[in-house]
Amino acid sequence: MVGDNKQDDIDYLVKEIKQLRKERVELLQRLTLAKQPNENKDGQFPLAEFSRLTAGIVHDLRNGMGIIRNTAGFLQEDLLDTPHEKDIVKILRGLDFCEVVMRNLSSLGGGDLLKTEQVNLEAIAREVFFMLENKLVDVKLVIESEEQTPLILADQGHMKQIFMNLIKNASEAMPQGGVITCRFHKEADKMRIEVQDTGNGISEVDQQRLFREFFTTKERGYGIGLFIVHTIVKRHGGEISVKSKNGEGTVFTLLMPVEVK
């Protein structure tokens, strides 16, 4: 129920967002606790089990997101042409992205659920940077591409999740600020994408394990971001690699087919 004034609406929105954050933490804690007893013979966490564990919380998160979306929608009408209009737009775009994440989590243990369409990866990178800009303190985004970035046939939601993870990780590797460079270049029937940061770099040992589920170098990380990125890339028939040196930054390189086969 929307309140009688804007402040009531904002307070309600903040309360619901805090609840979503709490449920996200619960989800990640359950995944962490479930890992050891459910590894398969190759030491990998079964994706079907991953999907089963997330199903209940994904349902609850969607309900919470629906409430936030309705409240934000009412606020958007009241805040048109005000300094807060941009903030509401970010909330709504953030909810769109959360829906993408929920769908991806639900589909990881199932079959191929790609919803392919013509996608402009440069536009997606810029949109993700816009969504994250409040968290990217002293971080500059540089785009290097051809005069007209070629489109690829891909699942747009999955592509947003890839850039969300890579740009967020790059920014966290530069606590004092720096530059994130996204490059886009067509190579025959593939698109070459590079996401480079000027951060602290990653050791050779850690580079070998980056795409493993639950592996993280962060004190408060859970190690599922790059695991999901790797899974998405493979489902699109692409390849992902990393090149890094301590103190010299990191480059993630993706080779994505222009059309999904």
C-alpha atoms as a PDB file:
ATOM      1  CA  MET A   1       0.000   0.000   0.000  1.00  0.00           C
ATOM      2  CA  VAL A   2       1.409   3.364  -1.007  1.00  0.00           C
ATOM      3  CA  GLY A   3       1.469   5.979   1.751  1.00  0.00           C
ATOM      4  CA  ASP A   4      -0.353   9.317   1.892  1.00  0.00           C
ATOM      5  CA  ASN A   5       2.745  11.337   1.023  1.00  0.00           C
ATOM      6  CA  LYS A   6       6.069  10.954  -0.739  1.00  0.00           C
ATOM      7  CA  GLN A   7       8.066  10.493   2.472  1.00  0.00           C
ATOM      8  CA  ASP A   8       5.888   7.527   3.485  1.00  0.00           C
ATOM      9  CA  ASP A   9       6.492   6.008   0.047  1.00  0.00           C
ATOM     10  CA  ILE A  10      10.249   6.524   0.286  1.00  0.00           C
ATOM     11  CA  ASP A  11      10.392   5.047   3.813  1.00  0.00           C
ATOM     12  CA  TYR A  12       8.416   2.021   2.612  1.00  0.00           C
ATOM     13  CA  LEU A  13      10.710   1.604  -0.381  1.00  0.00           C
ATOM     14  CA  VAL A  14      13.819   1.705   1.810  1.00  0.00           C
ATOM     15  CA  LYS A  15      12.303  -0.898   4.160  1.00  0.00           C
ATOM     16  CA  GLU A  16      11.565  -3.294   1.275  1.00  0.00           C
ATOM     17  CA  ILE A  17      15.043  -2.866  -0.197  1.00  0.00           C
ATOM     18  CA  LYS A  18      16.603  -3.710   3.188  1.00  0.00           C
ATOM     19  CA  GLN A  19      14.477  -6.864   3.309  1.00  0.00           C
ATOM     20  CA  LEU A  20      15.680  -7.887  -0.162  1.00  0.00           C
ATOM     21  CA  ARG A  21      19.282  -7.440   0.952  1.00  0.00           C
ATOM     22  CA  LYS A  22      18.617  -9.601   4.013  1.00  0.00           C
ATOM     23  CA  GLU A  23      17.121 -12.382   1.868  1.00  0.00           C
ATOM     24  CA  ARG A  24      20.065 -12.176  -0.543  1.00  0.00           C
ATOM     25  CA  VAL A  25      22.481 -12.751   2.349  1.00  0.00           C
ATOM     26  CA  GLU A  26      20.391 -15.719   3.500  1.00  0.00           C
ATOM     27  CA  LEU A  27      20.490 -17.200   0.003  1.00  0.00           C
ATOM     28  CA  LEU A  28      24.272 -16.930  -0.255  1.00  0.00           C
ATOM     29  CA  GLN A  29      24.755 -18.372   3.238  1.00  0.00           C
ATOM     30  CA  ARG A  30      22.617 -21.400   2.341  1.00  0.00           C
ATOM     31  CA  LEU A  31      24.648 -21.953  -0.806  1.00  0.00           C
ATOM     32  CA  THR A  32      27.907 -21.760   1.115  1.00  0.00           C
ATOM     33  CA  LEU A  33      26.742 -24.219   3.778  1.00  0.00           C
ATOM     34  CA  ALA A  34      25.416 -26.613   1.154  1.00  0.00           C
ATOM     35  CA  LYS A  35      28.588 -26.831  -0.889  1.00  0.00           C
ATOM     36  CA  GLN A  36      30.718 -29.413   0.957  1.00  0.00           C
ATOM     37  CA  PRO A  37      28.269 -32.309   1.366  1.00  0.00           C
ATOM     38  CA  ASN A  38      26.935 -31.965  -2.183  1.00  0.00           C
ATOM     39  CA  GLU A  39      30.068 -31.884  -4.330  1.00  0.00           C
ATOM     40  CA  ASN A  40      30.167 -34.437  -7.128  1.00  0.00           C
ATOM     41  CA  LYS A  41      33.072 -36.697  -8.002  1.00  0.00           C
ATOM     42  CA  ASP A  42      34.807 -33.908  -9.932  1.00  0.00           C
ATOM     43  CA  GLY A  43      34.667 -31.558  -6.958  1.00  0.00           C
ATOM     44  CA  GLN A  44      32.049 -29.402  -8.663  1.00  0.00           C
ATOM     45  CA  PHE A  45      28.791 -28.224  -7.108  1.00  0.00           C
ATOM     46  CA  PRO A  46      25.860 -29.814  -9.030  1.00  0.00           C
ATOM     47  CA  LEU A  47      23.901 -27.144 -10.900  1.00  0.00           C
ATOM     48  CA  ALA A  48      20.611 -28.968 -10.306  1.00  0.00           C
ATOM     49  CA  GLU A  49      21.224 -28.774  -6.555  1.00  0.00           C
ATOM     50  CA  PHE A  50      22.146 -25.111  -6.941  1.00  0.00           C
ATOM     51  CA  SER A  51      18.799 -24.450  -8.634  1.00  0.00           C
ATOM     52  CA  ARG A  52      16.869 -26.401  -5.990  1.00  0.00           C
ATOM     53  CA  LEU A  53      18.452 -24.453  -3.149  1.00  0.00           C
ATOM     54  CA  THR A  54      17.646 -21.096  -4.712  1.00  0.00           C
ATOM     55  CA  ALA A  55      14.046 -21.809  -5.794  1.00  0.00           C
ATOM     56  CA  GLY A  56      12.273 -20.811  -2.570  1.00  0.00           C
ATOM     57  CA  ILE A  57      14.195 -17.619  -1.955  1.00  0.00           C
ATOM     58  CA  VAL A  58      13.945 -16.611  -5.621  1.00  0.00           C
ATOM     59  CA  HIS A  59      10.157 -16.796  -5.250  1.00  0.00           C
ATOM     60  CA  ASP A  60      10.237 -14.588  -2.134  1.00  0.00           C
ATOM     61  CA  LEU A  61      12.593 -12.115  -3.765  1.00  0.00           C
ATOM     62  CA  ARG A  62      10.283 -11.755  -6.744  1.00  0.00           C
ATOM     63  CA  ASN A  63       7.384 -10.929  -4.428  1.00  0.00           C
ATOM     64  CA  GLY A  64       9.443  -8.269  -2.681  1.00  0.00           C
ATOM     65  CA  MET A  65      10.614  -6.843  -5.990  1.00  0.00           C
ATOM     66  CA  GLY A  66       7.019  -6.545  -7.166  1.00  0.00           C
ATOM     67  CA  ILE A  67       6.140  -4.411  -4.142  1.00  0.00           C
ATOM     68  CA  ILE A  68       9.169  -2.193  -4.716  1.00  0.00           C
ATOM     69  CA  ARG A  69       8.352  -1.810  -8.412  1.00  0.00           C
ATOM     70  CA  ASN A  70       4.778  -0.716  -7.686  1.00  0.00           C
ATOM     71  CA  THR A  71       5.897   1.801  -5.085  1.00  0.00           C
ATOM     72  CA  ALA A  72       8.652   3.155  -7.315  1.00  0.00           C
ATOM     73  CA  GLY A  73       6.159   3.480 -10.160  1.00  0.00           C
ATOM     74  CA  PHE A  74       3.919   5.742  -8.084  1.00  0.00           C
ATOM     75  CA  LEU A  75       6.927   7.772  -6.983  1.00  0.00           C
ATOM     76  CA  GLN A  76       8.143   8.162 -10.552  1.00  0.00           C
ATOM     77  CA  GLU A  77       4.937   9.953 -11.509  1.00  0.00           C
ATOM     78  CA  ASP A  78       5.276  12.353  -8.562  1.00  0.00           C
ATOM     79  CA  LEU A  79       8.978  13.025  -9.079  1.00  0.00           C
ATOM     80  CA  LEU A  80       8.971  13.843 -12.795  1.00  0.00           C
ATOM     81  CA  ASP A  81      11.248  16.802 -13.617  1.00  0.00           C
ATOM     82  CA  THR A  82      12.793  16.783 -10.120  1.00  0.00           C
ATOM     83  CA  PRO A  83      16.390  15.979  -9.038  1.00  0.00           C
ATOM     84  CA  HIS A  84      15.140  12.599  -7.735  1.00  0.00           C
ATOM     85  CA  GLU A  85      13.753  11.398 -11.070  1.00  0.00           C
ATOM     86  CA  LYS A  86      17.139   9.920 -12.016  1.00  0.00           C
ATOM     87  CA  ASP A  87      17.231   7.945  -8.746  1.00  0.00           C
ATOM     88  CA  ILE A  88      13.830   6.359  -9.449  1.00  0.00           C
ATOM     89  CA  VAL A  89      14.981   5.413 -12.952  1.00  0.00           C
ATOM     90  CA  LYS A  90      18.002   3.657 -11.392  1.00  0.00           C
ATOM     91  CA  ILE A  91      15.741   1.787  -8.964  1.00  0.00           C
ATOM     92  CA  LEU A  92      13.512   0.563 -11.796  1.00  0.00           C
ATOM     93  CA  ARG A  93      16.486  -0.462 -13.942  1.00  0.00           C
ATOM     94  CA  GLY A  94      17.985  -2.174 -10.923  1.00  0.00           C
ATOM     95  CA  LEU A  95      14.771  -4.136 -10.473  1.00  0.00           C
ATOM     96  CA  ASP A  96      14.898  -5.154 -14.128  1.00  0.00           C
ATOM     97  CA  PHE A  97      18.405  -6.453 -13.564  1.00  0.00           C
ATOM     98  CA  CYS A  98      17.366  -8.288 -10.383  1.00  0.00           C
ATOM     99  CA  GLU A  99      14.699 -10.048 -12.415  1.00  0.00           C
ATOM    100  CA  VAL A 100      17.396 -11.119 -14.868  1.00  0.00           C
ATOM    101  CA  VAL A 101      19.483 -12.516 -12.016  1.00  0.00           C
ATOM    102  CA  MET A 102      16.488 -14.389 -10.609  1.00  0.00           C
ATOM    103  CA  ARG A 103      15.792 -15.932 -14.013  1.00  0.00           C
ATOM    104  CA  ASN A 104      19.407 -16.924 -14.459  1.00  0.00           C
ATOM    105  CA  LEU A 105      19.599 -18.525 -11.012  1.00  0.00           C
ATOM    106  CA  SER A 106      16.428 -20.472 -11.740  1.00  0.00           C
ATOM    107  CA  SER A 107      17.716 -21.708 -15.086  1.00  0.00           C
ATOM    108  CA  LEU A 108      21.255 -22.740 -14.087  1.00  0.00           C
ATOM    109  CA  GLY A 109      20.170 -26.230 -13.148  1.00  0.00           C
ATOM    110  CA  GLY A 110      17.836 -26.666 -16.073  1.00  0.00           C
ATOM    111  CA  GLY A 111      18.002 -26.777 -19.845  1.00  0.00           C
ATOM    112  CA  ASP A 112      18.857 -24.107 -22.351  1.00  0.00           C
ATOM    113  CA  LEU A 113      16.491 -21.205 -21.715  1.00  0.00           C
ATOM    114  CA  LEU A 114      18.262 -18.576 -23.807  1.00  0.00           C
ATOM    115  CA  LYS A 115      16.000 -15.830 -25.149  1.00  0.00           C
ATOM    116  CA  THR A 116      18.092 -14.610 -28.040  1.00  0.00           C
ATOM    117  CA  GLU A 117      17.754 -11.290 -29.839  1.00  0.00           C
ATOM    118  CA  GLN A 118      19.987  -8.697 -31.495  1.00  0.00           C
ATOM    119  CA  VAL A 119      22.056  -7.166 -28.693  1.00  0.00           C
ATOM    120  CA  ASN A 120      24.307  -4.088 -28.597  1.00  0.00           C
ATOM    121  CA  LEU A 121      26.973  -4.962 -26.027  1.00  0.00           C
ATOM    122  CA  GLU A 122      28.405  -1.439 -25.904  1.00  0.00           C
ATOM    123  CA  ALA A 123      24.987  -0.050 -24.953  1.00  0.00           C
ATOM    124  CA  ILE A 124      24.655  -2.703 -22.254  1.00  0.00           C
ATOM    125  CA  ALA A 125      28.071  -1.807 -20.797  1.00  0.00           C
ATOM    126  CA  ARG A 126      27.067   1.862 -20.620  1.00  0.00           C
ATOM    127  CA  GLU A 127      23.732   1.025 -18.990  1.00  0.00           C
ATOM    128  CA  VAL A 128      25.380  -1.155 -16.344  1.00  0.00           C
ATOM    129  CA  PHE A 129      27.890   1.598 -15.582  1.00  0.00           C
ATOM    130  CA  PHE A 130      24.983   4.039 -15.160  1.00  0.00           C
ATOM    131  CA  MET A 131      23.279   1.659 -12.731  1.00  0.00           C
ATOM    132  CA  LEU A 132      26.460   1.273 -10.672  1.00  0.00           C
ATOM    133  CA  GLU A 133      27.814   4.816 -10.854  1.00  0.00           C
ATOM    134  CA  ASN A 134      26.902   5.699  -7.252  1.00  0.00           C
ATOM    135  CA  LYS A 135      29.199   2.882  -6.091  1.00  0.00           C
ATOM    136  CA  LEU A 136      31.996   3.585  -8.563  1.00  0.00           C
ATOM    137  CA  VAL A 137      33.883   6.265  -6.647  1.00  0.00           C
ATOM    138  CA  ASP A 138      36.658   7.865  -8.732  1.00  0.00           C
ATOM    139  CA  VAL A 139      36.205   5.214 -11.419  1.00  0.00           C
ATOM    140  CA  LYS A 140      36.140   6.241 -15.087  1.00  0.00           C
ATOM    141  CA  LEU A 141      34.642   4.146 -17.880  1.00  0.00           C
ATOM    142  CA  VAL A 142      36.349   4.165 -21.283  1.00  0.00           C
ATOM    143  CA  ILE A 143      34.704   2.550 -24.311  1.00  0.00           C
ATOM    144  CA  GLU A 144      36.854   1.513 -27.277  1.00  0.00           C
ATOM    145  CA  SER A 145      34.925   0.169 -30.249  1.00  0.00           C
ATOM    146  CA  GLU A 146      34.460   0.353 -33.956  1.00  0.00           C
ATOM    147  CA  GLU A 147      32.531   3.297 -35.380  1.00  0.00           C
ATOM    148  CA  GLN A 148      29.367   1.223 -35.135  1.00  0.00           C
ATOM    149  CA  THR A 149      29.537  -1.636 -32.660  1.00  0.00           C
ATOM    150  CA  PRO A 150      28.289  -4.812 -34.395  1.00  0.00           C
ATOM    151  CA  LEU A 151      25.280  -6.496 -32.831  1.00  0.00           C
ATOM    152  CA  ILE A 152      25.367 -10.106 -31.698  1.00  0.00           C
ATOM    153  CA  LEU A 153      22.560 -12.600 -31.289  1.00  0.00           C
ATOM    154  CA  ALA A 154      22.395 -13.336 -27.564  1.00  0.00           C
ATOM    155  CA  ASP A 155      20.243 -13.322 -24.451  1.00  0.00           C
ATOM    156  CA  GLN A 156      20.177  -9.666 -23.422  1.00  0.00           C
ATOM    157  CA  GLY A 157      19.538 -10.404 -19.757  1.00  0.00           C
ATOM    158  CA  HIS A 158      22.489 -12.769 -19.609  1.00  0.00           C
ATOM    159  CA  MET A 159      24.722 -10.162 -21.248  1.00  0.00           C
ATOM    160  CA  LYS A 160      23.703  -7.591 -18.638  1.00  0.00           C
ATOM    161  CA  GLN A 161      24.652 -10.014 -15.892  1.00  0.00           C
ATOM    162  CA  ILE A 162      28.072 -10.591 -17.466  1.00  0.00           C
ATOM    163  CA  PHE A 163      28.861  -6.871 -17.570  1.00  0.00           C
ATOM    164  CA  MET A 164      27.406  -6.270 -14.119  1.00  0.00           C
ATOM    165  CA  ASN A 165      29.768  -8.829 -12.617  1.00  0.00           C
ATOM    166  CA  LEU A 166      32.851  -7.830 -14.611  1.00  0.00           C
ATOM    167  CA  ILE A 167      32.456  -4.070 -14.109  1.00  0.00           C
ATOM    168  CA  LYS A 168      31.635  -4.477 -10.411  1.00  0.00           C
ATOM    169  CA  ASN A 169      34.651  -6.749  -9.882  1.00  0.00           C
ATOM    170  CA  ALA A 170      36.895  -4.341 -11.777  1.00  0.00           C
ATOM    171  CA  SER A 171      35.793  -1.424  -9.603  1.00  0.00           C
ATOM    172  CA  GLU A 172      36.369  -3.421  -6.409  1.00  0.00           C
ATOM    173  CA  ALA A 173      39.925  -4.148  -7.577  1.00  0.00           C
ATOM    174  CA  MET A 174      40.550  -0.371  -7.604  1.00  0.00           C
ATOM    175  CA  PRO A 175      39.647   0.872  -4.089  1.00  0.00           C
ATOM    176  CA  GLN A 176      41.519   4.129  -4.718  1.00  0.00           C
ATOM    177  CA  GLY A 177      39.847   4.665  -8.083  1.00  0.00           C
ATOM    178  CA  GLY A 178      41.060   4.018 -11.617  1.00  0.00           C
ATOM    179  CA  VAL A 179      39.939   3.304 -15.165  1.00  0.00           C
ATOM    180  CA  ILE A 180      37.752   0.518 -16.539  1.00  0.00           C
ATOM    181  CA  THR A 181      38.189   0.035 -20.274  1.00  0.00           C
ATOM    182  CA  CYS A 182      35.664  -1.958 -22.304  1.00  0.00           C
ATOM    183  CA  ARG A 183      36.763  -2.891 -25.839  1.00  0.00           C
ATOM    184  CA  PHE A 184      34.569  -4.310 -28.593  1.00  0.00           C
ATOM    185  CA  HIS A 185      35.989  -5.662 -31.847  1.00  0.00           C
ATOM    186  CA  LYS A 186      34.522  -7.946 -34.518  1.00  0.00           C
ATOM    187  CA  GLU A 187      36.773 -10.872 -35.493  1.00  0.00           C
ATOM    188  CA  ALA A 188      35.315 -12.972 -38.334  1.00  0.00           C
ATOM    189  CA  ASP A 189      32.181 -14.613 -36.899  1.00  0.00           C
ATOM    190  CA  LYS A 190      32.976 -13.650 -33.300  1.00  0.00           C
ATOM    191  CA  MET A 191      32.943 -10.563 -31.123  1.00  0.00           C
ATOM    192  CA  ARG A 192      35.994  -9.935 -28.968  1.00  0.00           C
ATOM    193  CA  ILE A 193      35.168  -8.134 -25.712  1.00  0.00           C
ATOM    194  CA  GLU A 194      37.756  -7.011 -23.185  1.00  0.00           C
ATOM    195  CA  VAL A 195      37.084  -5.572 -19.738  1.00  0.00           C
ATOM    196  CA  GLN A 196      40.289  -4.152 -18.288  1.00  0.00           C
ATOM    197  CA  ASP A 197      40.990  -2.452 -14.969  1.00  0.00           C
ATOM    198  CA  THR A 198      43.974  -0.628 -13.504  1.00  0.00           C
ATOM    199  CA  GLY A 199      43.721  -2.402 -10.157  1.00  0.00           C
ATOM    200  CA  ASN A 200      45.942  -4.581  -8.022  1.00  0.00           C
ATOM    201  CA  GLY A 201      45.914  -7.630 -10.272  1.00  0.00           C
ATOM    202  CA  ILE A 202      45.366 -11.322  -9.508  1.00  0.00           C
ATOM    203  CA  SER A 203      48.008 -13.905  -8.662  1.00  0.00           C
ATOM    204  CA  GLU A 204      48.712 -16.756 -11.107  1.00  0.00           C
ATOM    205  CA  VAL A 205      47.457 -19.306  -8.581  1.00  0.00           C
ATOM    206  CA  ASP A 206      44.140 -17.521  -8.111  1.00  0.00           C
ATOM    207  CA  GLN A 207      43.683 -17.072 -11.863  1.00  0.00           C
ATOM    208  CA  GLN A 208      43.493 -20.854 -12.230  1.00  0.00           C
ATOM    209  CA  ARG A 209      40.495 -20.992  -9.885  1.00  0.00           C
ATOM    210  CA  LEU A 210      38.600 -17.802 -10.704  1.00  0.00           C
ATOM    211  CA  PHE A 211      35.730 -19.481 -12.531  1.00  0.00           C
ATOM    212  CA  ARG A 212      35.182 -22.188  -9.907  1.00  0.00           C
ATOM    213  CA  GLU A 213      31.969 -21.864  -7.927  1.00  0.00           C
ATOM    214  CA  PHE A 214      32.412 -20.515  -4.380  1.00  0.00           C
ATOM    215  CA  PHE A 215      35.993 -19.409  -5.028  1.00  0.00           C
ATOM    216  CA  THR A 216      36.628 -15.796  -4.043  1.00  0.00           C
ATOM    217  CA  THR A 217      39.507 -13.548  -3.043  1.00  0.00           C
ATOM    218  CA  LYS A 218      37.176 -11.060  -1.346  1.00  0.00           C
ATOM    219  CA  GLU A 219      36.709 -10.943   2.416  1.00  0.00           C
ATOM    220  CA  ARG A 220      32.930 -10.622   2.021  1.00  0.00           C
ATOM    221  CA  GLY A 221      32.516 -12.443  -1.284  1.00  0.00           C
ATOM    222  CA  TYR A 222      30.696 -15.714  -1.968  1.00  0.00           C
ATOM    223  CA  GLY A 223      32.335 -16.762  -5.215  1.00  0.00           C
ATOM    224  CA  ILE A 224      29.355 -17.201  -7.523  1.00  0.00           C
ATOM    225  CA  GLY A 225      29.667 -14.121  -9.779  1.00  0.00           C
ATOM    226  CA  LEU A 226      32.414 -15.299 -12.118  1.00  0.00           C
ATOM    227  CA  PHE A 227      31.078 -18.850 -11.936  1.00  0.00           C
ATOM    228  CA  ILE A 228      27.781 -17.616 -13.386  1.00  0.00           C
ATOM    229  CA  VAL A 229      29.603 -15.453 -15.967  1.00  0.00           C
ATOM    230  CA  HIS A 230      31.580 -18.499 -17.107  1.00  0.00           C
ATOM    231  CA  THR A 231      28.390 -20.592 -17.312  1.00  0.00           C
ATOM    232  CA  ILE A 232      26.578 -17.935 -19.372  1.00  0.00           C
ATOM    233  CA  VAL A 233      29.486 -17.534 -21.788  1.00  0.00           C
ATOM    234  CA  LYS A 234      29.716 -21.287 -22.345  1.00  0.00           C
ATOM    235  CA  ARG A 235      25.964 -21.574 -22.928  1.00  0.00           C
ATOM    236  CA  HIS A 236      26.316 -19.010 -25.699  1.00  0.00           C
ATOM    237  CA  GLY A 237      29.111 -21.034 -27.279  1.00  0.00           C
ATOM    238  CA  GLY A 238      31.731 -18.485 -26.255  1.00  0.00           C
ATOM    239  CA  GLU A 239      35.041 -18.483 -24.417  1.00  0.00           C
ATOM    240  CA  ILE A 240      36.334 -16.439 -21.491  1.00  0.00           C
ATOM    241  CA  SER A 241      39.885 -16.012 -20.225  1.00  0.00           C
ATOM    242  CA  VAL A 242      41.777 -13.783 -17.816  1.00  0.00           C
ATOM    243  CA  LYS A 243      45.215 -12.197 -17.932  1.00  0.00           C
ATOM    244  CA  SER A 244      46.643 -10.423 -14.922  1.00  0.00           C
ATOM    245  CA  LYS A 245      49.754  -9.543 -12.958  1.00  0.00           C
ATOM    246  CA  ASN A 246      49.972  -8.330  -9.400  1.00  0.00           C
ATOM    247  CA  GLY A 247      50.089  -4.562  -9.383  1.00  0.00           C
ATOM    248  CA  GLU A 248      49.399  -4.244 -13.114  1.00  0.00           C
ATOM    249  CA  GLY A 249      45.640  -4.733 -13.398  1.00  0.00           C
ATOM    250  CA  THR A 250      43.485  -7.420 -14.997  1.00  0.00           C
ATOM    251  CA  VAL A 251      41.922  -8.063 -18.396  1.00  0.00           C
ATOM    252  CA  PHE A 252      38.958 -10.399 -18.903  1.00  0.00           C
ATOM    253  CA  THR A 253      38.585 -11.409 -22.562  1.00  0.00           C
ATOM    254  CA  LEU A 254      35.403 -12.872 -24.028  1.00  0.00           C
ATOM    255  CA  LEU A 255      35.050 -14.351 -27.494  1.00  0.00           C
ATOM    256  CA  MET A 256      31.346 -14.512 -28.268  1.00  0.00           C
ATOM    257  CA  PRO A 257      29.833 -15.912 -31.472  1.00  0.00           C
ATOM    258  CA  VAL A 258      27.880 -13.319 -33.414  1.00  0.00           C
ATOM    259  CA  GLU A 259      25.038 -15.838 -33.622  1.00  0.00           C
ATOM    260  CA  VAL A 260      24.188 -18.534 -31.092  1.00  0.00           C
ATOM    261  CA  LYS A 261      24.319 -21.976 -32.695  1.00  0.00           C
END
